[in-house]
Amino acid sequence: MQLELLKTEFGISRLESSAPIPEWATGEFASITRTSEELSIVCEGRGFRCLKVDGPLDFSLVGILSSLAGALARAKVPIFAISTFDTDYIFFANEHLDGAIRALEGDGHVVRR
């Protein structure tokens, strides 16, 4: 699998489900998900880095996220994943950056920095 380490640093926030979408939830990458339990926001900020799977990925493909998450789980790297129509994004805390890349490359994935 080919991945790209995005240069942007991200923040991940959880708000009450009824909260309005804040003005700061913007940028080149912003993911806003509302459920009956919460409002989750991922956007430019601090604390997290992101690996983007080269896409677009066809909906018929299986095991993409599982392959990446498995390698990271074995390396004890906690993740936050987001899937879009075209591809997958894997977020992890800054302190796990080196370990995440080592784990993925050790599992045969290619990470562009």
N, C-alpha and C. Protein backbone atom coordinates (compact mmCIF):
# COMPACT_ATOMS: atom_id res chain seq x y z
N MET A 1 0.83 -1.17 0.00
CA MET A 1 0.00 0.00 0.00
C MET A 1 0.88 1.24 0.00
N GLN A 2 0.50 2.23 -0.77
CA GLN A 2 1.21 3.50 -0.83
C GLN A 2 0.48 4.53 0.02
N LEU A 3 1.24 5.22 0.89
CA LEU A 3 0.66 6.23 1.77
C LEU A 3 1.47 7.51 1.68
N GLU A 4 0.80 8.62 1.98
CA GLU A 4 1.47 9.91 2.01
C GLU A 4 1.30 10.52 3.40
N LEU A 5 2.40 10.95 4.00
CA LEU A 5 2.34 11.67 5.26
C LEU A 5 1.99 13.12 4.95
N LEU A 6 0.82 13.55 5.39
CA LEU A 6 0.42 14.93 5.14
C LEU A 6 1.24 15.87 6.00
N LYS A 7 1.57 17.03 5.46
CA LYS A 7 2.43 17.98 6.16
C LYS A 7 1.69 18.71 7.29
N THR A 8 0.40 18.83 7.15
CA THR A 8 -0.42 19.55 8.13
C THR A 8 -0.51 18.79 9.44
N GLU A 9 -0.54 19.53 10.53
CA GLU A 9 -0.83 18.94 11.83
C GLU A 9 -2.33 19.14 12.07
N PHE A 10 -2.95 18.17 12.74
CA PHE A 10 -4.40 18.17 12.92
C PHE A 10 -4.78 18.16 14.39
N GLY A 11 -6.00 18.61 14.63
CA GLY A 11 -6.62 18.49 15.93
C GLY A 11 -7.87 17.64 15.79
N ILE A 12 -8.20 16.89 16.82
CA ILE A 12 -9.40 16.06 16.83
C ILE A 12 -10.20 16.46 18.06
N SER A 13 -11.47 16.82 17.84
CA SER A 13 -12.31 17.31 18.92
C SER A 13 -13.63 16.56 18.97
N ARG A 14 -14.15 16.45 20.19
CA ARG A 14 -15.49 15.89 20.40
C ARG A 14 -16.32 16.93 21.14
N LEU A 15 -17.48 17.26 20.57
CA LEU A 15 -18.40 18.20 21.19
C LEU A 15 -19.73 17.49 21.43
N GLU A 16 -20.59 18.13 22.19
CA GLU A 16 -21.92 17.58 22.41
C GLU A 16 -22.66 17.48 21.08
N SER A 17 -23.54 16.50 20.96
CA SER A 17 -24.23 16.25 19.69
C SER A 17 -25.04 17.44 19.22
N SER A 18 -25.53 18.26 20.14
CA SER A 18 -26.36 19.40 19.77
C SER A 18 -25.56 20.68 19.52
N ALA A 19 -24.24 20.63 19.69
CA ALA A 19 -23.41 21.83 19.53
C ALA A 19 -23.43 22.31 18.08
N PRO A 20 -23.39 23.62 17.89
CA PRO A 20 -23.27 24.14 16.52
C PRO A 20 -21.86 23.85 15.99
N ILE A 21 -21.73 23.78 14.69
CA ILE A 21 -20.41 23.58 14.10
C ILE A 21 -19.60 24.86 14.31
N PRO A 22 -18.46 24.76 14.98
CA PRO A 22 -17.68 25.96 15.29
C PRO A 22 -17.04 26.58 14.04
N GLU A 23 -16.81 27.87 14.11
CA GLU A 23 -16.19 28.60 12.98
C GLU A 23 -14.78 28.09 12.69
N TRP A 24 -14.08 27.57 13.69
CA TRP A 24 -12.70 27.13 13.50
C TRP A 24 -12.61 25.79 12.77
N ALA A 25 -13.73 25.12 12.53
CA ALA A 25 -13.73 23.81 11.87
C ALA A 25 -13.66 24.00 10.36
N THR A 26 -12.52 24.50 9.89
CA THR A 26 -12.33 24.79 8.47
C THR A 26 -10.93 24.34 8.05
N GLY A 27 -10.59 24.63 6.83
CA GLY A 27 -9.25 24.35 6.33
C GLY A 27 -9.31 23.46 5.10
N GLU A 28 -8.14 23.16 4.59
CA GLU A 28 -8.04 22.32 3.39
C GLU A 28 -8.58 20.93 3.66
N PHE A 29 -8.44 20.44 4.89
CA PHE A 29 -9.01 19.16 5.31
C PHE A 29 -9.82 19.42 6.56
N ALA A 30 -11.11 19.13 6.48
CA ALA A 30 -11.98 19.23 7.65
C ALA A 30 -13.02 18.12 7.54
N SER A 31 -13.15 17.34 8.60
CA SER A 31 -14.15 16.28 8.65
C SER A 31 -15.06 16.57 9.84
N ILE A 32 -16.35 16.68 9.55
CA ILE A 32 -17.33 16.99 10.58
C ILE A 32 -18.39 15.90 10.55
N THR A 33 -18.53 15.17 11.65
CA THR A 33 -19.49 14.08 11.74
C THR A 33 -20.37 14.27 12.96
N ARG A 34 -21.68 14.32 12.71
CA ARG A 34 -22.62 14.45 13.82
C ARG A 34 -23.42 13.16 13.93
N THR A 35 -23.52 12.65 15.15
CA THR A 35 -24.38 11.51 15.44
C THR A 35 -25.30 11.92 16.59
N SER A 36 -26.17 11.02 17.01
CA SER A 36 -27.03 11.35 18.14
C SER A 36 -26.24 11.44 19.44
N GLU A 37 -25.01 10.92 19.47
CA GLU A 37 -24.18 10.95 20.68
C GLU A 37 -23.13 12.05 20.71
N GLU A 38 -22.71 12.54 19.54
CA GLU A 38 -21.57 13.46 19.53
C GLU A 38 -21.45 14.23 18.23
N LEU A 39 -20.60 15.25 18.28
CA LEU A 39 -20.15 15.97 17.10
C LEU A 39 -18.64 15.83 17.08
N SER A 40 -18.10 15.13 16.09
CA SER A 40 -16.65 14.92 15.99
C SER A 40 -16.10 15.81 14.89
N ILE A 41 -14.99 16.46 15.17
CA ILE A 41 -14.37 17.37 14.21
C ILE A 41 -12.89 17.07 14.10
N VAL A 42 -12.42 16.93 12.87
CA VAL A 42 -11.00 16.80 12.58
C VAL A 42 -10.66 17.91 11.59
N CYS A 43 -9.71 18.75 11.96
CA CYS A 43 -9.30 19.83 11.07
C CYS A 43 -7.89 20.27 11.46
N GLU A 44 -7.37 21.25 10.74
CA GLU A 44 -6.05 21.75 11.07
C GLU A 44 -6.01 22.15 12.54
N GLY A 45 -4.94 21.77 13.20
CA GLY A 45 -4.83 22.06 14.62
C GLY A 45 -3.50 21.55 15.15
N ARG A 46 -3.56 20.92 16.32
CA ARG A 46 -2.33 20.45 16.95
C ARG A 46 -2.56 19.09 17.57
N GLY A 47 -1.48 18.30 17.58
CA GLY A 47 -1.50 17.06 18.33
C GLY A 47 -1.53 15.78 17.51
N PHE A 48 -1.94 15.86 16.24
CA PHE A 48 -2.08 14.65 15.44
C PHE A 48 -1.47 14.82 14.06
N ARG A 49 -0.97 13.70 13.53
CA ARG A 49 -0.48 13.64 12.16
C ARG A 49 -1.35 12.66 11.38
N CYS A 50 -1.23 12.70 10.05
CA CYS A 50 -2.13 11.91 9.22
C CYS A 50 -1.39 11.26 8.07
N LEU A 51 -1.73 10.00 7.83
CA LEU A 51 -1.29 9.28 6.64
C LEU A 51 -2.49 9.09 5.73
N LYS A 52 -2.34 9.49 4.49
CA LYS A 52 -3.40 9.36 3.47
C LYS A 52 -3.06 8.18 2.57
N VAL A 53 -4.01 7.28 2.39
CA VAL A 53 -3.83 6.16 1.47
C VAL A 53 -3.99 6.69 0.06
N ASP A 54 -3.03 6.34 -0.82
CA ASP A 54 -3.15 6.77 -2.21
C ASP A 54 -4.44 6.23 -2.80
N GLY A 55 -5.21 7.09 -3.37
CA GLY A 55 -6.48 6.71 -3.98
C GLY A 55 -6.58 7.33 -5.34
N PRO A 56 -7.74 7.25 -5.93
CA PRO A 56 -8.97 6.74 -5.32
C PRO A 56 -8.99 5.21 -5.22
N LEU A 57 -9.72 4.74 -4.21
CA LEU A 57 -9.88 3.31 -3.97
C LEU A 57 -11.27 2.89 -4.45
N ASP A 58 -11.33 1.78 -5.11
CA ASP A 58 -12.62 1.25 -5.57
C ASP A 58 -13.37 0.64 -4.40
N PHE A 59 -14.69 0.80 -4.38
CA PHE A 59 -15.51 0.26 -3.29
C PHE A 59 -15.43 -1.26 -3.19
N SER A 60 -15.02 -1.94 -4.25
CA SER A 60 -14.95 -3.39 -4.23
C SER A 60 -13.71 -3.91 -3.49
N LEU A 61 -12.76 -3.03 -3.20
CA LEU A 61 -11.55 -3.45 -2.49
C LEU A 61 -11.88 -3.75 -1.03
N VAL A 62 -11.26 -4.79 -0.50
CA VAL A 62 -11.49 -5.16 0.90
C VAL A 62 -10.15 -5.27 1.63
N GLY A 63 -10.16 -4.99 2.91
CA GLY A 63 -8.99 -5.21 3.74
C GLY A 63 -7.97 -4.09 3.76
N ILE A 64 -8.23 -2.98 3.09
CA ILE A 64 -7.26 -1.89 3.05
C ILE A 64 -7.01 -1.36 4.47
N LEU A 65 -8.05 -0.87 5.10
CA LEU A 65 -7.91 -0.31 6.44
C LEU A 65 -7.46 -1.36 7.44
N SER A 66 -7.94 -2.57 7.29
CA SER A 66 -7.56 -3.66 8.18
C SER A 66 -6.06 -3.93 8.12
N SER A 67 -5.50 -3.92 6.93
CA SER A 67 -4.07 -4.17 6.76
C SER A 67 -3.25 -3.10 7.48
N LEU A 68 -3.63 -1.86 7.32
CA LEU A 68 -2.90 -0.75 7.95
C LEU A 68 -3.11 -0.75 9.46
N ALA A 69 -4.36 -0.91 9.88
CA ALA A 69 -4.66 -0.89 11.32
C ALA A 69 -3.99 -2.05 12.04
N GLY A 70 -3.91 -3.20 11.38
CA GLY A 70 -3.26 -4.36 12.00
C GLY A 70 -1.79 -4.11 12.27
N ALA A 71 -1.10 -3.54 11.29
CA ALA A 71 0.33 -3.23 11.47
C ALA A 71 0.52 -2.23 12.60
N LEU A 72 -0.35 -1.23 12.66
CA LEU A 72 -0.24 -0.22 13.71
C LEU A 72 -0.62 -0.78 15.08
N ALA A 73 -1.60 -1.66 15.12
CA ALA A 73 -2.00 -2.28 16.39
C ALA A 73 -0.85 -3.13 16.95
N ARG A 74 -0.18 -3.88 16.08
CA ARG A 74 0.94 -4.70 16.55
C ARG A 74 2.06 -3.83 17.13
N ALA A 75 2.18 -2.59 16.61
CA ALA A 75 3.20 -1.66 17.11
C ALA A 75 2.65 -0.80 18.26
N LYS A 76 1.42 -1.10 18.67
CA LYS A 76 0.78 -0.38 19.78
C LYS A 76 0.60 1.11 19.50
N VAL A 77 0.26 1.43 18.24
CA VAL A 77 -0.01 2.81 17.84
C VAL A 77 -1.52 2.99 17.74
N PRO A 78 -2.12 3.76 18.67
CA PRO A 78 -3.56 4.00 18.58
C PRO A 78 -3.88 4.91 17.39
N ILE A 79 -4.99 4.63 16.73
CA ILE A 79 -5.34 5.40 15.53
C ILE A 79 -6.77 5.93 15.60
N PHE A 80 -7.01 6.91 14.76
CA PHE A 80 -8.35 7.46 14.50
C PHE A 80 -8.45 7.47 12.98
N ALA A 81 -9.37 6.72 12.42
CA ALA A 81 -9.46 6.57 10.96
C ALA A 81 -10.69 7.27 10.42
N ILE A 82 -10.53 7.85 9.24
CA ILE A 82 -11.64 8.46 8.51
C ILE A 82 -11.60 7.93 7.09
N SER A 83 -12.74 7.50 6.60
CA SER A 83 -12.85 7.08 5.21
C SER A 83 -13.71 8.08 4.45
N THR A 84 -13.27 8.41 3.24
CA THR A 84 -14.05 9.26 2.36
C THR A 84 -14.45 8.43 1.15
N PHE A 85 -15.13 9.03 0.22
CA PHE A 85 -15.55 8.31 -0.98
C PHE A 85 -14.33 7.75 -1.72
N ASP A 86 -13.24 8.52 -1.76
CA ASP A 86 -12.08 8.15 -2.56
C ASP A 86 -10.99 7.37 -1.83
N THR A 87 -10.84 7.58 -0.51
CA THR A 87 -9.69 6.97 0.16
C THR A 87 -9.86 6.94 1.67
N ASP A 88 -8.80 6.52 2.36
CA ASP A 88 -8.80 6.43 3.82
C ASP A 88 -7.69 7.32 4.37
N TYR A 89 -7.93 7.83 5.57
CA TYR A 89 -6.97 8.66 6.29
C TYR A 89 -6.79 8.07 7.68
N ILE A 90 -5.55 7.96 8.13
CA ILE A 90 -5.26 7.42 9.45
C ILE A 90 -4.53 8.49 10.26
N PHE A 91 -5.12 8.85 11.39
CA PHE A 91 -4.55 9.85 12.28
C PHE A 91 -3.98 9.18 13.51
N PHE A 92 -2.90 9.75 14.03
CA PHE A 92 -2.29 9.24 15.25
C PHE A 92 -1.59 10.41 15.93
N ALA A 93 -1.42 10.30 17.25
CA ALA A 93 -0.79 11.37 18.02
C ALA A 93 0.64 11.59 17.54
N ASN A 94 1.09 12.84 17.62
CA ASN A 94 2.44 13.21 17.17
C ASN A 94 3.51 12.29 17.71
N GLU A 95 3.40 11.89 18.98
CA GLU A 95 4.45 11.08 19.58
C GLU A 95 4.56 9.68 18.97
N HIS A 96 3.58 9.30 18.17
CA HIS A 96 3.60 7.98 17.53
C HIS A 96 4.06 8.03 16.07
N LEU A 97 4.46 9.21 15.59
CA LEU A 97 4.82 9.37 14.18
C LEU A 97 5.89 8.39 13.74
N ASP A 98 7.02 8.38 14.40
CA ASP A 98 8.12 7.50 13.97
C ASP A 98 7.73 6.03 14.07
N GLY A 99 7.09 5.64 15.17
CA GLY A 99 6.67 4.26 15.35
C GLY A 99 5.65 3.81 14.31
N ALA A 100 4.74 4.71 13.94
CA ALA A 100 3.74 4.38 12.93
C ALA A 100 4.39 4.13 11.58
N ILE A 101 5.29 5.00 11.20
CA ILE A 101 5.96 4.84 9.90
C ILE A 101 6.82 3.58 9.90
N ARG A 102 7.57 3.34 10.97
CA ARG A 102 8.38 2.12 11.04
C ARG A 102 7.51 0.87 10.93
N ALA A 103 6.39 0.86 11.65
CA ALA A 103 5.50 -0.31 11.63
C ALA A 103 4.93 -0.55 10.24
N LEU A 104 4.50 0.49 9.59
CA LEU A 104 3.90 0.33 8.26
C LEU A 104 4.95 -0.09 7.23
N GLU A 105 6.11 0.55 7.26
CA GLU A 105 7.16 0.17 6.31
C GLU A 105 7.65 -1.24 6.60
N GLY A 106 7.73 -1.62 7.86
CA GLY A 106 8.13 -2.97 8.22
C GLY A 106 7.14 -4.01 7.75
N ASP A 107 5.89 -3.60 7.54
CA ASP A 107 4.84 -4.49 7.06
C ASP A 107 4.73 -4.46 5.53
N GLY A 108 5.64 -3.75 4.86
CA GLY A 108 5.68 -3.73 3.40
C GLY A 108 4.98 -2.56 2.75
N HIS A 109 4.46 -1.63 3.53
CA HIS A 109 3.82 -0.45 2.96
C HIS A 109 4.87 0.61 2.65
N VAL A 110 4.56 1.50 1.71
CA VAL A 110 5.46 2.58 1.33
C VAL A 110 4.88 3.89 1.84
N VAL A 111 5.69 4.64 2.60
CA VAL A 111 5.24 5.92 3.14
C VAL A 111 6.09 7.04 2.53
N ARG A 112 5.42 7.92 1.81
CA ARG A 112 6.09 9.12 1.25
C ARG A 112 6.02 10.22 2.28
N ARG A 113 7.17 10.84 2.54
CA ARG A 113 7.23 11.93 3.54
C ARG A 113 7.32 13.26 2.84
